[in-house]
């Protein structure tokens, strides 16, 4: 896979208690979301040991939670006033 450089244009806001992006949630991901100049969304998240299913594998429900949050936030790039 070829690497490419992208320009970050905006960091989306985070809340305090959200499981995915909450900066004060001790059991959450504390994920960060960035918008690019090409209208893409980048999610940075780090899993915890407690979120595995099989050893060394992220649980599918946790992966679905990250995907749900990322899709909802991607809508905000196109429709900024949309609530998720």
C-alpha atoms as a PDB file:
ATOM      1  CA  UNK A   1       0.000   0.000   0.000  1.00  0.00           C
ATOM      2  CA  UNK A   2       1.343   3.395  -1.005  1.00  0.00           C
ATOM      3  CA  UNK A   3       1.669   6.040   1.689  1.00  0.00           C
ATOM      4  CA  UNK A   4       0.390   9.531   1.040  1.00  0.00           C
ATOM      5  CA  UNK A   5       0.546  12.799   2.887  1.00  0.00           C
ATOM      6  CA  UNK A   6      -2.685  14.527   3.892  1.00  0.00           C
ATOM      7  CA  UNK A   7      -3.217  18.023   5.213  1.00  0.00           C
ATOM      8  CA  UNK A   8      -5.201  18.291   8.434  1.00  0.00           C
ATOM      9  CA  UNK A   9      -7.550  21.269   8.350  1.00  0.00           C
ATOM     10  CA  UNK A  10      -9.475  20.865  11.605  1.00  0.00           C
ATOM     11  CA  UNK A  11      -9.571  18.895  14.834  1.00  0.00           C
ATOM     12  CA  UNK A  12     -13.121  17.993  15.783  1.00  0.00           C
ATOM     13  CA  UNK A  13     -14.200  18.723  19.339  1.00  0.00           C
ATOM     14  CA  UNK A  14     -14.263  16.057  22.042  1.00  0.00           C
ATOM     15  CA  UNK A  15     -16.499  15.798  25.068  1.00  0.00           C
ATOM     16  CA  UNK A  16     -15.572  14.937  28.626  1.00  0.00           C
ATOM     17  CA  UNK A  17     -17.510  11.705  29.167  1.00  0.00           C
ATOM     18  CA  UNK A  18     -18.043  10.082  25.758  1.00  0.00           C
ATOM     19  CA  UNK A  19     -16.851   6.459  25.655  1.00  0.00           C
ATOM     20  CA  UNK A  20     -15.135   7.002  22.307  1.00  0.00           C
ATOM     21  CA  UNK A  21     -13.809  10.581  22.497  1.00  0.00           C
ATOM     22  CA  UNK A  22     -14.206  11.529  26.164  1.00  0.00           C
ATOM     23  CA  UNK A  23     -11.011  13.076  27.438  1.00  0.00           C
ATOM     24  CA  UNK A  24     -11.992  12.464  31.064  1.00  0.00           C
ATOM     25  CA  UNK A  25     -13.509   8.997  30.643  1.00  0.00           C
ATOM     26  CA  UNK A  26     -11.094   6.547  32.319  1.00  0.00           C
ATOM     27  CA  UNK A  27     -12.517   3.478  30.538  1.00  0.00           C
ATOM     28  CA  UNK A  28     -12.900   5.064  27.095  1.00  0.00           C
ATOM     29  CA  UNK A  29     -10.657   5.467  24.075  1.00  0.00           C
ATOM     30  CA  UNK A  30      -9.945   9.231  24.306  1.00  0.00           C
ATOM     31  CA  UNK A  31     -10.017   9.156  20.498  1.00  0.00           C
ATOM     32  CA  UNK A  32      -9.140  12.189  18.425  1.00  0.00           C
ATOM     33  CA  UNK A  33     -10.808  13.063  15.124  1.00  0.00           C
ATOM     34  CA  UNK A  34      -9.252  15.179  12.371  1.00  0.00           C
ATOM     35  CA  UNK A  35     -10.689  16.512   9.113  1.00  0.00           C
ATOM     36  CA  UNK A  36      -8.498  16.664   6.000  1.00  0.00           C
ATOM     37  CA  UNK A  37      -8.486  19.118   3.124  1.00  0.00           C
ATOM     38  CA  UNK A  38      -9.934  16.360   0.918  1.00  0.00           C
ATOM     39  CA  UNK A  39     -13.032  15.983   3.118  1.00  0.00           C
ATOM     40  CA  UNK A  40     -11.832  12.812   4.810  1.00  0.00           C
ATOM     41  CA  UNK A  41     -11.921  12.010   8.516  1.00  0.00           C
ATOM     42  CA  UNK A  42      -9.048  10.493  10.462  1.00  0.00           C
ATOM     43  CA  UNK A  43      -9.651   8.779  13.811  1.00  0.00           C
ATOM     44  CA  UNK A  44      -6.780   8.120  16.189  1.00  0.00           C
ATOM     45  CA  UNK A  45      -7.662   5.580  18.854  1.00  0.00           C
ATOM     46  CA  UNK A  46      -5.711   3.229  21.069  1.00  0.00           C
ATOM     47  CA  UNK A  47      -7.331   0.089  22.389  1.00  0.00           C
ATOM     48  CA  UNK A  48      -6.977  -1.227  25.896  1.00  0.00           C
ATOM     49  CA  UNK A  49      -6.190  -4.786  26.938  1.00  0.00           C
ATOM     50  CA  UNK A  50      -9.708  -5.105  28.424  1.00  0.00           C
ATOM     51  CA  UNK A  51     -11.324  -4.674  24.986  1.00  0.00           C
ATOM     52  CA  UNK A  52     -10.016  -7.868  23.426  1.00  0.00           C
ATOM     53  CA  UNK A  53     -12.054 -10.901  22.449  1.00  0.00           C
ATOM     54  CA  UNK A  54      -9.562 -13.579  21.447  1.00  0.00           C
ATOM     55  CA  UNK A  55      -6.058 -12.838  22.751  1.00  0.00           C
ATOM     56  CA  UNK A  56      -4.614  -9.896  20.873  1.00  0.00           C
ATOM     57  CA  UNK A  57      -7.840  -9.223  18.913  1.00  0.00           C
ATOM     58  CA  UNK A  58     -10.148  -6.233  19.370  1.00  0.00           C
ATOM     59  CA  UNK A  59     -13.710  -7.261  20.262  1.00  0.00           C
ATOM     60  CA  UNK A  60     -16.116  -6.774  17.346  1.00  0.00           C
ATOM     61  CA  UNK A  61     -18.563  -4.761  19.428  1.00  0.00           C
ATOM     62  CA  UNK A  62     -15.819  -2.305  20.341  1.00  0.00           C
ATOM     63  CA  UNK A  63     -14.769  -2.042  16.684  1.00  0.00           C
ATOM     64  CA  UNK A  64     -18.414  -1.361  15.764  1.00  0.00           C
ATOM     65  CA  UNK A  65     -18.550   1.392  18.410  1.00  0.00           C
ATOM     66  CA  UNK A  66     -15.510   3.102  16.883  1.00  0.00           C
ATOM     67  CA  UNK A  67     -16.996   2.766  13.404  1.00  0.00           C
ATOM     68  CA  UNK A  68     -20.349   4.191  14.572  1.00  0.00           C
ATOM     69  CA  UNK A  69     -18.691   7.271  16.096  1.00  0.00           C
ATOM     70  CA  UNK A  70     -16.464   7.784  13.062  1.00  0.00           C
ATOM     71  CA  UNK A  71     -19.381   7.578  10.606  1.00  0.00           C
ATOM     72  CA  UNK A  72     -21.427  10.011  12.671  1.00  0.00           C
ATOM     73  CA  UNK A  73     -18.563  12.472  12.783  1.00  0.00           C
ATOM     74  CA  UNK A  74     -17.873  12.111   9.043  1.00  0.00           C
ATOM     75  CA  UNK A  75     -21.389  13.465   8.421  1.00  0.00           C
ATOM     76  CA  UNK A  76     -20.359  16.641  10.268  1.00  0.00           C
ATOM     77  CA  UNK A  77     -17.862  17.423   7.497  1.00  0.00           C
ATOM     78  CA  UNK A  78     -20.699  17.643   4.972  1.00  0.00           C
ATOM     79  CA  UNK A  79     -23.545  18.823   7.231  1.00  0.00           C
ATOM     80  CA  UNK A  80     -21.944  20.793  10.101  1.00  0.00           C
ATOM     81  CA  UNK A  81     -25.236  21.496  11.892  1.00  0.00           C
ATOM     82  CA  UNK A  82     -26.251  17.825  11.929  1.00  0.00           C
ATOM     83  CA  UNK A  83     -26.504  16.316  15.405  1.00  0.00           C
ATOM     84  CA  UNK A  84     -25.212  12.853  16.069  1.00  0.00           C
END
